[in-house]
Amino acid sequence: MPNNSGVLLSDDELDKLGGSDQKQAIEYYYGMMNGVKTVDIFDTLKAHKDESIFFRTDHHWTADGAYYAYEDFCKTKGITAIPRDKRKTDTFKGFLGSFYSTLQNSDMKNNPDTIYAYEPIGTNDMTYWNEDGSEQKWNVIMDVNGWDKGTMYSTFVGGDTPMAVIENPKVTDGSSCVVMKESYGNAFIPFLVDHYQTVYVVDYRYWTGSISKLAQDKKVNDVLFLNNLSMIRNKSLVGKLYRVL
């Protein structure tokens, strides 16, 4: 997934700030993925850049930005996307994310973000496991009203946990997928729930298993990699992803 600067800024603005061409970078890496189906969402997000597809006080995309990527995923997979207005919308006001945490900017503080989250239709229940192996029952979209303003992005799938599983009782065809992600993937995952009987969610930064073994053992249909582009500049993150393959 591209970052907000690559999508929201003009080429001139990005050049003045010393930014790089994110579309070119994505195309470069996609060009090396023989046998892998890629979903190029850059132009789609660019077409919606006047909408609230990224937060103002935080580096993540919003659920609306993730929704447009989900539509492109559905086109690639050959399935029908479920419109946002068919889902229950939860609203959480007062979010002050990572940009605010770093900058402590008064304008951001006085104009916090509002999070709009779209619940799955089939189920809002999930289970996740902490790094110590302890199990926690949770919600795909958790009510974060009253939470610390900096943690409200964790409304999506419990935030960054090593492993989570979502079982949808409304889907009984045995379909399943594994999602390998970091925090950008969190806002995308709720849209997947109604297309699979089981969704396995793995955050490669904290999980220590083997993704190929998990996919084989669970006989999953699809393996999705959901990562924002900035991970390629971090050797440690790339190494962690490689470690779990």
Protein backbone atom coordinates (compact mmCIF):
# COMPACT_ATOMS: atom_id res chain seq x y z
CA MET A 1 0.00 0.00 0.00
CA PRO A 2 1.33 3.49 -0.83
CA ASN A 3 1.71 6.06 1.91
CA ASN A 4 -0.21 9.30 2.24
CA SER A 5 2.55 11.48 0.78
CA GLY A 6 2.65 9.49 -2.45
CA VAL A 7 -1.11 9.64 -2.88
CA LEU A 8 -2.08 13.06 -1.54
CA LEU A 9 0.80 15.26 -2.71
CA SER A 10 1.33 16.46 -6.27
CA ASP A 11 4.51 15.41 -8.07
CA ASP A 12 5.94 18.91 -7.58
CA GLU A 13 5.16 18.95 -3.85
CA LEU A 14 6.63 15.50 -3.38
CA ASP A 15 9.77 16.46 -5.31
CA LYS A 16 10.30 19.61 -3.22
CA LEU A 17 10.16 17.51 -0.06
CA GLY A 18 12.68 15.02 -1.44
CA GLY A 19 10.09 12.26 -1.75
CA SER A 20 10.34 9.38 -4.19
CA ASP A 21 7.95 8.01 -6.80
CA GLN A 22 5.93 5.44 -4.87
CA LYS A 23 4.05 4.19 -7.92
CA GLN A 24 7.32 3.44 -9.68
CA ALA A 25 8.60 1.60 -6.59
CA ILE A 26 5.45 -0.52 -6.34
CA GLU A 27 5.59 -1.38 -10.04
CA TYR A 28 9.26 -2.35 -9.65
CA TYR A 29 8.53 -4.82 -6.86
CA TYR A 30 5.37 -6.13 -8.52
CA GLY A 31 7.44 -6.81 -11.64
CA MET A 32 9.48 -9.37 -9.70
CA MET A 33 6.50 -11.29 -8.32
CA ASN A 34 6.19 -14.08 -10.85
CA GLY A 35 3.15 -16.25 -10.22
CA VAL A 36 1.76 -13.89 -7.58
CA LYS A 37 -1.45 -11.98 -8.18
CA THR A 38 -0.86 -8.34 -7.37
CA VAL A 39 -3.45 -5.65 -6.69
CA ASP A 40 -2.30 -2.22 -7.82
CA ILE A 41 -4.27 0.27 -5.76
CA PHE A 42 -2.16 3.38 -6.32
CA ASP A 43 -4.24 4.95 -9.09
CA THR A 44 -7.46 4.05 -7.28
CA LEU A 45 -6.38 5.87 -4.13
CA LYS A 46 -5.10 8.78 -6.20
CA ALA A 47 -8.55 9.09 -7.79
CA HIS A 48 -10.06 9.47 -4.30
CA LYS A 49 -7.38 11.75 -2.85
CA ASP A 50 -9.90 14.52 -2.13
CA GLU A 51 -11.74 12.19 0.26
CA SER A 52 -10.73 11.23 3.79
CA ILE A 53 -8.70 8.19 2.82
CA PHE A 54 -5.82 8.96 5.21
CA PHE A 55 -5.93 10.37 8.71
CA ARG A 56 -4.62 13.88 9.36
CA THR A 57 -3.05 13.15 12.77
CA ASP A 58 -1.86 9.62 12.01
CA HIS A 59 0.18 7.82 9.33
CA HIS A 60 -2.41 5.11 8.59
CA TRP A 61 -5.09 5.08 5.96
CA THR A 62 -8.71 5.25 7.05
CA ALA A 63 -11.27 2.49 6.64
CA ASP A 64 -12.54 4.39 3.60
CA GLY A 65 -9.11 4.26 2.01
CA ALA A 66 -8.90 0.56 2.81
CA TYR A 67 -12.36 0.07 1.33
CA TYR A 68 -11.26 1.31 -2.09
CA ALA A 69 -8.35 -1.12 -1.95
CA TYR A 70 -10.80 -3.86 -0.96
CA GLU A 71 -12.89 -3.10 -4.05
CA ASP A 72 -9.80 -3.57 -6.22
CA PHE A 73 -8.99 -6.81 -4.42
CA CYS A 74 -12.50 -8.10 -5.15
CA LYS A 75 -12.13 -7.25 -8.84
CA THR A 76 -8.85 -9.16 -8.97
CA LYS A 77 -10.33 -12.16 -7.15
CA GLY A 78 -13.54 -12.09 -9.19
CA ILE A 79 -15.94 -11.59 -6.30
CA THR A 80 -18.46 -8.88 -5.51
CA ALA A 81 -17.53 -6.21 -2.99
CA ILE A 82 -20.08 -5.53 -0.25
CA PRO A 83 -20.94 -1.81 -0.17
CA ARG A 84 -20.10 0.18 2.93
CA ASP A 85 -23.73 1.20 3.41
CA LYS A 86 -24.68 -2.46 3.89
CA ARG A 87 -22.53 -2.59 7.02
CA LYS A 88 -23.01 -1.10 10.47
CA THR A 89 -20.89 2.04 10.80
CA ASP A 90 -19.22 2.81 14.12
CA THR A 91 -17.97 6.34 14.80
CA PHE A 92 -15.17 7.22 17.22
CA LYS A 93 -14.31 10.88 17.71
CA GLY A 94 -11.17 12.47 19.11
CA PHE A 95 -8.43 10.29 17.57
CA LEU A 96 -4.92 11.77 17.86
CA GLY A 97 -2.52 9.40 16.11
CA SER A 98 1.17 8.91 15.49
CA PHE A 99 1.80 12.27 13.80
CA TYR A 100 0.37 14.08 16.79
CA SER A 101 2.29 11.86 19.19
CA THR A 102 5.53 12.85 17.46
CA LEU A 103 4.84 16.52 16.77
CA GLN A 104 2.54 17.49 19.65
CA ASN A 105 1.07 20.03 17.23
CA SER A 106 -1.61 22.27 18.73
CA ASP A 107 -3.57 22.51 15.46
CA MET A 108 -3.80 18.72 15.37
CA LYS A 109 -4.84 18.63 19.01
CA ASN A 110 -7.62 21.11 18.34
CA ASN A 111 -8.75 19.22 15.22
CA PRO A 112 -8.56 15.50 16.01
CA ASP A 113 -9.60 12.81 13.58
CA THR A 114 -12.85 10.88 13.60
CA ILE A 115 -12.59 7.16 12.91
CA TYR A 116 -15.34 5.53 10.87
CA ALA A 117 -15.27 1.74 11.08
CA TYR A 118 -17.47 -0.70 9.16
CA GLU A 119 -18.45 -3.89 10.96
CA PRO A 120 -18.58 -7.22 9.11
CA ILE A 121 -22.10 -8.52 8.48
CA GLY A 122 -21.59 -12.17 9.40
CA THR A 123 -19.79 -11.72 12.72
CA ASN A 124 -17.97 -9.17 14.79
CA ASP A 125 -16.32 -11.80 16.98
CA MET A 126 -12.69 -12.81 16.85
CA THR A 127 -9.97 -14.39 18.96
CA TYR A 128 -6.38 -13.25 19.19
CA TRP A 129 -3.26 -14.51 20.92
CA ASN A 130 -0.65 -12.39 22.66
CA GLU A 131 3.09 -12.91 22.44
CA ASP A 132 2.99 -14.92 25.67
CA GLY A 133 0.47 -17.29 24.09
CA SER A 134 -2.51 -16.10 26.14
CA GLU A 135 -5.88 -16.08 24.36
CA GLN A 136 -8.24 -13.13 24.20
CA LYS A 137 -11.81 -12.97 22.91
CA TRP A 138 -12.34 -9.66 21.11
CA ASN A 139 -14.26 -7.85 18.38
CA VAL A 140 -13.29 -7.26 14.77
CA ILE A 141 -14.44 -3.68 15.32
CA MET A 142 -14.09 -2.85 19.00
CA ASP A 143 -15.89 0.03 20.70
CA VAL A 144 -12.98 2.36 21.57
CA ASN A 145 -15.05 5.27 22.88
CA GLY A 146 -13.37 6.38 26.08
CA TRP A 147 -10.00 4.89 25.16
CA ASP A 148 -6.81 6.93 25.17
CA LYS A 149 -6.95 9.15 22.09
CA GLY A 150 -3.67 7.73 20.76
CA THR A 151 -4.81 4.09 20.79
CA MET A 152 -8.15 4.36 19.00
CA TYR A 153 -6.83 2.90 15.70
CA SER A 154 -6.86 -0.39 17.61
CA THR A 155 -10.61 -0.52 16.97
CA PHE A 156 -9.56 -2.56 13.93
CA VAL A 157 -8.97 -6.28 14.76
CA GLY A 158 -7.49 -5.60 18.19
CA GLY A 159 -4.45 -3.76 16.87
CA ASP A 160 -1.12 -5.49 16.35
CA THR A 161 -1.26 -8.98 17.82
CA PRO A 162 0.85 -11.94 16.66
CA MET A 163 -2.09 -14.11 15.59
CA ALA A 164 -5.86 -13.74 15.31
CA VAL A 165 -8.64 -15.91 13.93
CA ILE A 166 -12.07 -14.80 12.72
CA GLU A 167 -14.72 -17.48 12.16
CA ASN A 168 -17.78 -16.39 10.19
CA PRO A 169 -20.77 -18.68 10.92
CA LYS A 170 -22.67 -17.23 7.94
CA VAL A 171 -20.11 -18.70 5.49
CA THR A 172 -20.04 -22.51 5.42
CA ASP A 173 -18.15 -23.35 2.24
CA GLY A 174 -14.84 -24.09 3.99
CA SER A 175 -13.15 -21.07 2.43
CA SER A 176 -10.23 -19.52 4.28
CA CYS A 177 -7.35 -17.12 3.92
CA VAL A 178 -4.22 -16.10 5.74
CA VAL A 179 -3.48 -12.38 5.97
CA MET A 180 0.17 -11.49 6.53
CA LYS A 181 0.22 -7.86 7.62
CA GLU A 182 1.44 -5.01 9.73
CA SER A 183 -0.75 -2.22 11.09
CA TYR A 184 -1.89 -0.92 7.69
CA GLY A 185 -3.66 -4.23 7.15
CA ASN A 186 -5.82 -3.80 10.24
CA ALA A 187 -8.35 -1.46 8.61
CA PHE A 188 -8.60 -3.74 5.55
CA ILE A 189 -9.27 -7.05 7.31
CA PRO A 190 -12.88 -6.35 8.44
CA PHE A 191 -13.94 -6.19 4.78
CA LEU A 192 -12.60 -9.72 4.16
CA VAL A 193 -14.63 -11.40 6.88
CA ASP A 194 -17.81 -11.84 4.84
CA HIS A 195 -15.97 -13.58 2.00
CA TYR A 196 -14.36 -16.41 3.98
CA GLN A 197 -15.43 -18.93 6.57
CA THR A 198 -12.12 -18.45 8.38
CA VAL A 199 -9.64 -15.60 8.30
CA TYR A 200 -6.24 -16.15 9.90
CA VAL A 201 -4.45 -12.89 10.70
CA VAL A 202 -0.70 -12.89 11.25
CA ASP A 203 1.47 -9.89 12.13
CA TYR A 204 4.91 -10.97 10.93
CA ARG A 205 6.63 -8.53 13.30
CA TYR A 206 5.53 -10.51 16.37
CA TRP A 207 4.64 -13.99 15.09
CA THR A 208 7.36 -16.65 14.97
CA GLY A 209 5.74 -19.46 12.98
CA SER A 210 5.93 -20.44 9.32
CA ILE A 211 3.39 -18.92 6.95
CA SER A 212 3.80 -21.70 4.39
CA LYS A 213 3.28 -24.39 7.05
CA LEU A 214 0.23 -22.55 8.41
CA ALA A 215 -1.28 -22.30 4.93
CA GLN A 216 -0.65 -25.99 4.26
CA ASP A 217 -1.87 -27.19 7.66
CA LYS A 218 -5.08 -25.14 7.43
CA LYS A 219 -5.53 -25.84 3.70
CA VAL A 220 -6.23 -22.19 3.03
CA ASN A 221 -7.42 -20.88 -0.32
CA ASP A 222 -5.61 -17.54 -0.35
CA VAL A 223 -2.58 -15.92 1.26
CA LEU A 224 -2.71 -12.12 1.29
CA PHE A 225 0.20 -9.82 2.01
CA LEU A 226 -0.92 -6.40 3.22
CA ASN A 227 1.99 -4.07 3.90
CA ASN A 228 2.63 -0.38 3.47
CA LEU A 229 5.46 0.67 1.20
CA SER A 230 7.69 2.08 3.93
CA MET A 231 8.56 -1.43 5.13
CA ILE A 232 11.00 -1.84 2.22
CA ARG A 233 13.33 0.76 3.74
CA ASN A 234 13.63 -1.18 6.97
CA LYS A 235 16.00 -4.17 6.80
CA SER A 236 14.77 -5.44 10.15
CA LEU A 237 11.14 -5.61 8.96
CA VAL A 238 12.09 -7.23 5.68
CA GLY A 239 14.15 -9.75 7.63
CA LYS A 240 11.24 -10.55 9.91
CA LEU A 241 8.94 -11.11 6.95
CA TYR A 242 11.50 -13.35 5.28
CA ARG A 243 11.94 -15.29 8.51
CA VAL A 244 8.29 -16.38 8.67
CA LEU A 245 7.92 -17.44 5.02
